[in-house]
Amino acid sequence: MTLKIGIAPNSWGVEDPQNPYNPPYEKVFDEAKKAGYKGLELGPYGYLPQDVKVLQKALNQRELCIVAGTLYDDLVSPNNLDQLIKKTHETCALMSKLPKADKVTGQGFETPYYVIIDQVNDVRGKFAGQPDLAPRLELEKWKEMMKHIKEIGRITWENYGIRSVVHPHAGGFIEFGDETIQLLNDIPSEIAGLCLDTGHLYYAGLDPADWLVKCADRLDYIHFKDINKPVFENAVNNQQDFFDACLDGVMCPIGKGVVDYKGVKDALEKINYRGWIMLEQERDPRDVEGSLKDVKDSRAYLAKIGY
């Protein structure tokens, strides 16, 4: 098994690019390097510099590379499509001008990837982790979302040679097992692959190892998270909004939560996964001083068990 492990800016609490408590991107870059990481995601649209020369200089100074960009937005509303397309072009144009991250032998698609996420919303946010209670999209709205994803996937590949991957996410309209399967049935493999996230799988009531195997033929990219079980159970029992649960510490360093990473390793070996894994730990950016220790601890735990 050949893997490369990176780190995402949300491990420093960067979710909303306008949050006044976000750390400067230089701090994220510096601490990622100190913790021994080589690969990063761009984080939310607008957080990192959009000037390719400025961004590349900052990355080069720390021997870092960009593995993926993210479209985290409302994928459902027809009147939001122009915004989705604008963000897609701008993010992919930026990534296409940056040097590519190392490709692992046997990796299906080269980096960078474009991670497509239906954002946490007012309808589904408080029902994260509750498949039996969460309101589902009406069929016509689901079809509209699938149409948008197909258009985004076409743009990223045809214009930039960048592979789109759809990420089921707690609190969005693509979260649970049935929604993920429907997504795979509706989106052809040549249009987009899948980015599965161990933490979001657990949040959705799914076994991460089982689902990595189940979706192996569409799996291009992976996110790792861990879940603080008592905080998770409190969030679900009290219908707490997903990001409020994150502020309360529902995500914890890898190895300190409930996700079975030895079982996940067995699953990755079984499917012969080769490529990048991105570590994440959504947190309150006001708690950013704990980030360096946490990202070091996460990487050390994975190394200890053979990653």
Protein backbone atom coordinates (compact mmCIF):
# COMPACT_ATOMS: atom_id res chain seq x y z
CA MET A 1 0.00 0.00 0.00
CA THR A 2 1.42 3.37 -1.03
CA LEU A 3 -0.06 6.46 0.56
CA LYS A 4 0.74 10.13 0.88
CA ILE A 5 -0.79 11.99 3.80
CA GLY A 6 -1.59 15.70 3.77
CA ILE A 7 -3.34 18.19 6.02
CA ALA A 8 -6.23 20.61 5.42
CA PRO A 9 -6.65 24.20 6.71
CA ASN A 10 -9.78 23.27 8.64
CA SER A 11 -7.45 21.60 11.13
CA TRP A 12 -6.70 25.22 12.10
CA GLY A 13 -10.41 26.06 12.18
CA VAL A 14 -10.55 27.58 8.69
CA GLU A 15 -14.06 26.90 7.38
CA ASP A 16 -15.47 30.32 6.54
CA PRO A 17 -12.94 32.52 4.71
CA GLN A 18 -14.59 35.61 6.24
CA ASN A 19 -14.27 34.44 9.85
CA PRO A 20 -12.31 37.18 11.67
CA TYR A 21 -10.76 34.56 13.94
CA ASN A 22 -9.08 32.64 11.11
CA PRO A 23 -5.33 32.36 11.52
CA PRO A 24 -3.20 33.92 8.78
CA TYR A 25 -2.44 31.42 6.04
CA GLU A 26 1.28 31.79 6.77
CA LYS A 27 0.70 30.26 10.21
CA VAL A 28 -1.10 27.29 8.65
CA PHE A 29 1.74 26.79 6.15
CA ASP A 30 4.44 27.13 8.82
CA GLU A 31 2.82 24.66 11.19
CA ALA A 32 2.03 22.18 8.42
CA LYS A 33 5.75 22.15 7.59
CA LYS A 34 6.74 21.87 11.27
CA ALA A 35 4.44 18.85 11.62
CA GLY A 36 6.08 17.13 8.66
CA TYR A 37 3.35 17.46 6.03
CA LYS A 38 4.03 18.09 2.34
CA GLY A 39 0.52 18.28 0.86
CA LEU A 40 -2.28 20.75 1.59
CA GLU A 41 -5.73 21.60 0.37
CA LEU A 42 -6.58 25.16 -0.64
CA GLY A 43 -9.26 25.38 2.03
CA PRO A 44 -12.41 27.45 1.51
CA TYR A 45 -12.66 29.61 -1.60
CA GLY A 46 -10.92 32.92 -0.96
CA TYR A 47 -8.83 31.95 2.06
CA LEU A 48 -5.47 31.58 0.32
CA PRO A 49 -4.04 34.21 -2.02
CA GLN A 50 -5.53 34.07 -5.51
CA ASP A 51 -2.32 35.46 -7.02
CA VAL A 52 -0.48 32.37 -8.26
CA LYS A 53 2.97 33.96 -7.83
CA VAL A 54 2.30 34.91 -4.22
CA LEU A 55 0.84 31.50 -3.40
CA GLN A 56 3.58 29.55 -5.16
CA LYS A 57 6.31 31.52 -3.39
CA ALA A 58 4.71 30.83 0.00
CA LEU A 59 4.40 27.12 -0.80
CA ASN A 60 7.93 26.82 -2.18
CA GLN A 61 9.44 28.48 0.87
CA ARG A 62 7.98 25.66 2.98
CA GLU A 63 8.31 22.79 0.46
CA LEU A 64 4.53 22.38 0.32
CA CYS A 65 2.19 21.50 -2.56
CA ILE A 66 -1.55 21.78 -3.20
CA VAL A 67 -3.38 18.44 -3.49
CA ALA A 68 -6.96 19.65 -3.90
CA GLY A 69 -9.34 22.57 -3.99
CA THR A 70 -12.89 22.64 -2.65
CA LEU A 71 -16.29 23.78 -3.80
CA TYR A 72 -18.29 23.98 -0.57
CA ASP A 73 -21.56 25.66 -1.53
CA ASP A 74 -25.28 25.31 -2.16
CA LEU A 75 -25.39 22.74 -4.95
CA VAL A 76 -29.19 22.64 -5.14
CA SER A 77 -30.52 26.11 -5.96
CA PRO A 78 -30.77 26.87 -9.70
CA ASN A 79 -30.03 30.55 -9.07
CA ASN A 80 -26.67 29.58 -7.53
CA LEU A 81 -25.31 27.79 -10.59
CA ASP A 82 -23.52 30.84 -12.00
CA GLN A 83 -21.71 31.27 -8.68
CA LEU A 84 -20.73 27.59 -8.64
CA ILE A 85 -19.31 27.87 -12.15
CA LYS A 86 -17.43 31.09 -11.33
CA LYS A 87 -15.81 29.54 -8.25
CA THR A 88 -14.98 26.40 -10.22
CA HIS A 89 -13.19 28.27 -13.00
CA GLU A 90 -11.26 30.48 -10.60
CA THR A 91 -10.17 27.64 -8.30
CA CYS A 92 -9.21 25.27 -11.10
CA ALA A 93 -7.39 27.98 -13.03
CA LEU A 94 -5.33 28.68 -9.92
CA MET A 95 -4.58 25.01 -9.24
CA SER A 96 -3.70 24.30 -12.86
CA LYS A 97 -0.88 26.86 -12.67
CA LEU A 98 0.68 25.31 -9.56
CA PRO A 99 3.14 22.39 -9.73
CA LYS A 100 1.40 19.05 -9.32
CA ALA A 101 1.77 17.04 -6.13
CA ASP A 102 3.64 13.76 -6.39
CA LYS A 103 1.68 10.99 -8.04
CA VAL A 104 1.69 7.61 -6.35
CA THR A 105 2.34 4.64 -8.62
CA GLY A 106 -1.03 3.08 -9.40
CA GLN A 107 -3.00 6.20 -8.50
CA GLY A 108 -6.06 6.49 -10.71
CA PHE A 109 -6.05 10.24 -11.41
CA GLU A 110 -3.33 12.80 -10.93
CA THR A 111 -3.69 15.55 -8.37
CA PRO A 112 -5.03 18.13 -7.93
CA TYR A 113 -8.62 17.13 -7.25
CA TYR A 114 -11.69 19.33 -7.06
CA VAL A 115 -13.75 18.33 -4.02
CA ILE A 116 -17.47 19.08 -4.45
CA ILE A 117 -19.53 19.39 -1.24
CA ASP A 118 -23.14 20.37 -0.72
CA GLN A 119 -22.88 22.77 2.17
CA VAL A 120 -24.39 22.39 5.62
CA ASN A 121 -27.78 24.09 5.39
CA ASP A 122 -30.62 25.22 7.62
CA VAL A 123 -32.83 22.27 6.62
CA ARG A 124 -30.33 19.48 7.22
CA GLY A 125 -27.75 20.94 9.62
CA LYS A 126 -29.53 19.99 12.83
CA PHE A 127 -30.33 16.52 11.47
CA ALA A 128 -26.69 15.60 10.79
CA GLY A 129 -26.16 11.98 11.81
CA GLN A 130 -29.90 11.23 11.86
CA PRO A 131 -30.82 9.35 8.66
CA ASP A 132 -34.31 8.43 9.88
CA LEU A 133 -35.28 12.02 10.72
CA ALA A 134 -33.43 14.15 8.17
CA PRO A 135 -35.69 15.72 5.50
CA ARG A 136 -34.73 14.51 2.02
CA LEU A 137 -34.66 16.47 -1.19
CA GLU A 138 -37.67 16.25 -3.48
CA LEU A 139 -36.89 14.29 -6.63
CA GLU A 140 -36.86 17.33 -8.92
CA LYS A 141 -34.48 19.22 -6.63
CA TRP A 142 -32.22 16.17 -6.41
CA LYS A 143 -32.14 15.99 -10.21
CA GLU A 144 -31.25 19.69 -10.33
CA MET A 145 -28.34 19.08 -7.96
CA MET A 146 -27.13 16.16 -10.07
CA LYS A 147 -27.28 18.38 -13.16
CA HIS A 148 -25.13 20.98 -11.41
CA ILE A 149 -22.57 18.38 -10.34
CA LYS A 150 -22.35 17.03 -13.88
CA GLU A 151 -21.73 20.50 -15.25
CA ILE A 152 -19.03 21.20 -12.67
CA GLY A 153 -17.34 17.86 -13.36
CA ARG A 154 -17.40 18.52 -17.08
CA ILE A 155 -15.83 21.97 -16.63
CA THR A 156 -13.02 20.78 -14.37
CA TRP A 157 -12.02 17.93 -16.69
CA GLU A 158 -12.53 19.46 -20.12
CA ASN A 159 -11.04 22.85 -19.29
CA TYR A 160 -8.35 22.03 -16.76
CA GLY A 161 -7.74 18.28 -16.74
CA ILE A 162 -8.72 18.23 -13.05
CA ARG A 163 -10.70 15.33 -11.60
CA SER A 164 -13.85 16.25 -9.66
CA VAL A 165 -14.72 14.14 -6.62
CA VAL A 166 -17.99 14.41 -4.69
CA HIS A 167 -17.73 14.41 -0.89
CA PRO A 168 -20.77 13.25 1.17
CA HIS A 169 -20.89 15.65 4.12
CA ALA A 170 -22.78 15.79 7.41
CA GLY A 171 -25.53 18.39 7.36
CA GLY A 172 -25.73 18.66 3.55
CA PHE A 173 -28.13 16.99 1.14
CA ILE A 174 -25.59 14.27 0.25
CA GLU A 175 -24.79 12.61 3.58
CA PHE A 176 -26.34 9.22 4.16
CA GLY A 177 -25.73 5.82 2.59
CA ASP A 178 -28.78 5.84 0.34
CA GLU A 179 -27.91 9.33 -0.91
CA THR A 180 -24.34 8.31 -1.66
CA ILE A 181 -25.50 5.27 -3.63
CA GLN A 182 -28.02 7.37 -5.54
CA LEU A 183 -25.27 9.88 -6.32
CA LEU A 184 -23.08 7.13 -7.77
CA ASN A 185 -25.99 5.84 -9.84
CA ASP A 186 -26.76 9.31 -11.20
CA ILE A 187 -23.24 10.65 -11.85
CA PRO A 188 -21.25 8.67 -14.46
CA SER A 189 -17.75 7.66 -13.40
CA GLU A 190 -16.23 9.61 -16.28
CA ILE A 191 -17.77 12.81 -14.87
CA ALA A 192 -16.76 12.56 -11.21
CA GLY A 193 -15.34 10.20 -8.64
CA LEU A 194 -15.83 10.01 -4.90
CA CYS A 195 -14.05 11.48 -1.90
CA LEU A 196 -15.06 9.52 1.17
CA ASP A 197 -14.41 10.95 4.62
CA THR A 198 -14.05 8.55 7.53
CA GLY A 199 -15.45 11.06 10.03
CA HIS A 200 -18.46 11.96 7.93
CA LEU A 201 -19.14 8.29 7.24
CA TYR A 202 -19.20 7.58 10.97
CA TYR A 203 -21.36 10.66 11.54
CA ALA A 204 -23.85 9.30 8.98
CA GLY A 205 -24.12 5.99 10.83
CA LEU A 206 -21.91 4.10 8.37
CA ASP A 207 -18.87 1.92 8.99
CA PRO A 208 -15.90 3.73 7.37
CA ALA A 209 -13.94 0.57 6.54
CA ASP A 210 -16.97 -1.13 4.99
CA TRP A 211 -17.82 1.86 2.84
CA LEU A 212 -14.27 2.32 1.57
CA VAL A 213 -14.50 -1.24 0.27
CA LYS A 214 -18.08 -0.82 -0.96
CA CYS A 215 -17.19 2.24 -3.05
CA ALA A 216 -13.68 1.20 -4.08
CA ASP A 217 -14.33 1.40 -7.81
CA ARG A 218 -15.31 5.10 -7.56
CA LEU A 219 -12.89 6.14 -4.82
CA ASP A 220 -10.29 8.66 -6.01
CA TYR A 221 -9.46 10.55 -2.82
CA ILE A 222 -9.94 10.17 0.94
CA HIS A 223 -10.32 12.41 4.00
CA PHE A 224 -9.49 11.15 7.49
CA LYS A 225 -11.14 12.51 10.62
CA ASP A 226 -11.83 11.15 14.08
CA ILE A 227 -14.92 11.59 16.24
CA ASN A 228 -15.21 12.33 19.96
CA LYS A 229 -18.02 9.89 20.74
CA PRO A 230 -19.59 11.64 23.79
CA VAL A 231 -19.71 14.99 21.97
CA PHE A 232 -21.13 13.25 18.88
CA GLU A 233 -23.84 11.47 20.85
CA ASN A 234 -24.81 14.72 22.59
CA ALA A 235 -24.98 16.50 19.22
CA VAL A 236 -27.23 13.86 17.67
CA ASN A 237 -29.45 13.46 20.72
CA ASN A 238 -30.00 17.22 20.93
CA GLN A 239 -30.22 17.87 17.16
CA GLN A 240 -27.24 20.18 17.35
CA ASP A 241 -26.16 21.88 14.14
CA PHE A 242 -23.09 20.20 12.66
CA PHE A 243 -20.78 23.20 12.94
CA ASP A 244 -21.94 23.94 16.48
CA ALA A 245 -20.86 20.39 17.30
CA CYS A 246 -17.49 21.13 15.69
CA LEU A 247 -17.10 24.18 17.93
CA ASP A 248 -17.78 21.86 20.87
CA GLY A 249 -14.99 19.50 19.77
CA VAL A 250 -16.83 16.68 18.00
CA MET A 251 -13.74 16.25 15.81
CA CYS A 252 -10.57 15.18 17.60
CA PRO A 253 -7.04 14.12 16.63
CA ILE A 254 -6.77 10.85 14.74
CA GLY A 255 -6.45 7.96 17.17
CA LYS A 256 -8.17 9.74 20.05
CA GLY A 257 -11.73 9.09 18.90
CA VAL A 258 -14.00 6.25 17.92
CA VAL A 259 -13.01 5.59 14.29
CA ASP A 260 -11.16 2.28 13.92
CA TYR A 261 -8.06 3.26 11.92
CA LYS A 262 -6.56 -0.21 12.06
CA GLY A 263 -9.73 -1.49 10.40
CA VAL A 264 -9.54 1.37 7.89
CA LYS A 265 -5.95 0.40 7.11
CA ASP A 266 -7.04 -3.19 6.48
CA ALA A 267 -9.75 -1.91 4.13
CA LEU A 268 -7.31 0.27 2.18
CA GLU A 269 -4.96 -2.69 1.82
CA LYS A 270 -7.84 -4.87 0.66
CA ILE A 271 -8.79 -2.45 -2.12
CA ASN A 272 -5.13 -1.62 -2.88
CA TYR A 273 -5.77 2.10 -2.47
CA ARG A 274 -2.92 4.19 -3.81
CA GLY A 275 -2.89 7.93 -3.54
CA TRP A 276 -3.47 10.84 -1.21
CA ILE A 277 -5.24 10.97 2.14
CA MET A 278 -6.04 14.36 3.66
CA LEU A 279 -6.29 14.70 7.45
CA GLU A 280 -8.86 17.12 8.83
CA GLN A 281 -10.08 18.24 12.24
CA GLU A 282 -12.83 20.84 12.15
CA ARG A 283 -12.40 23.09 15.16
CA ASP A 284 -13.02 26.55 16.56
CA PRO A 285 -10.40 28.88 15.03
CA ARG A 286 -10.18 30.62 18.39
CA ASP A 287 -8.57 27.37 19.60
CA VAL A 288 -5.93 27.52 16.87
CA GLU A 289 -3.02 27.35 19.32
CA GLY A 290 -3.84 23.68 19.84
CA SER A 291 -3.63 22.88 16.15
CA LEU A 292 0.08 22.18 15.81
CA LYS A 293 0.06 19.60 18.60
CA ASP A 294 -3.07 17.95 17.22
CA VAL A 295 -1.83 17.64 13.63
CA LYS A 296 1.47 16.24 14.93
CA ASP A 297 -0.37 13.76 17.14
CA SER A 298 -2.62 12.63 14.28
CA ARG A 299 0.30 11.94 11.98
CA ALA A 300 2.29 10.21 14.74
CA TYR A 301 -0.61 7.89 15.55
CA LEU A 302 -1.04 6.85 11.93
CA ALA A 303 2.67 6.22 11.58
CA LYS A 304 2.61 4.13 14.76
CA ILE A 305 -0.03 1.77 13.35
CA GLY A 306 1.67 1.38 10.00
CA TYR A 307 0.47 4.14 7.69
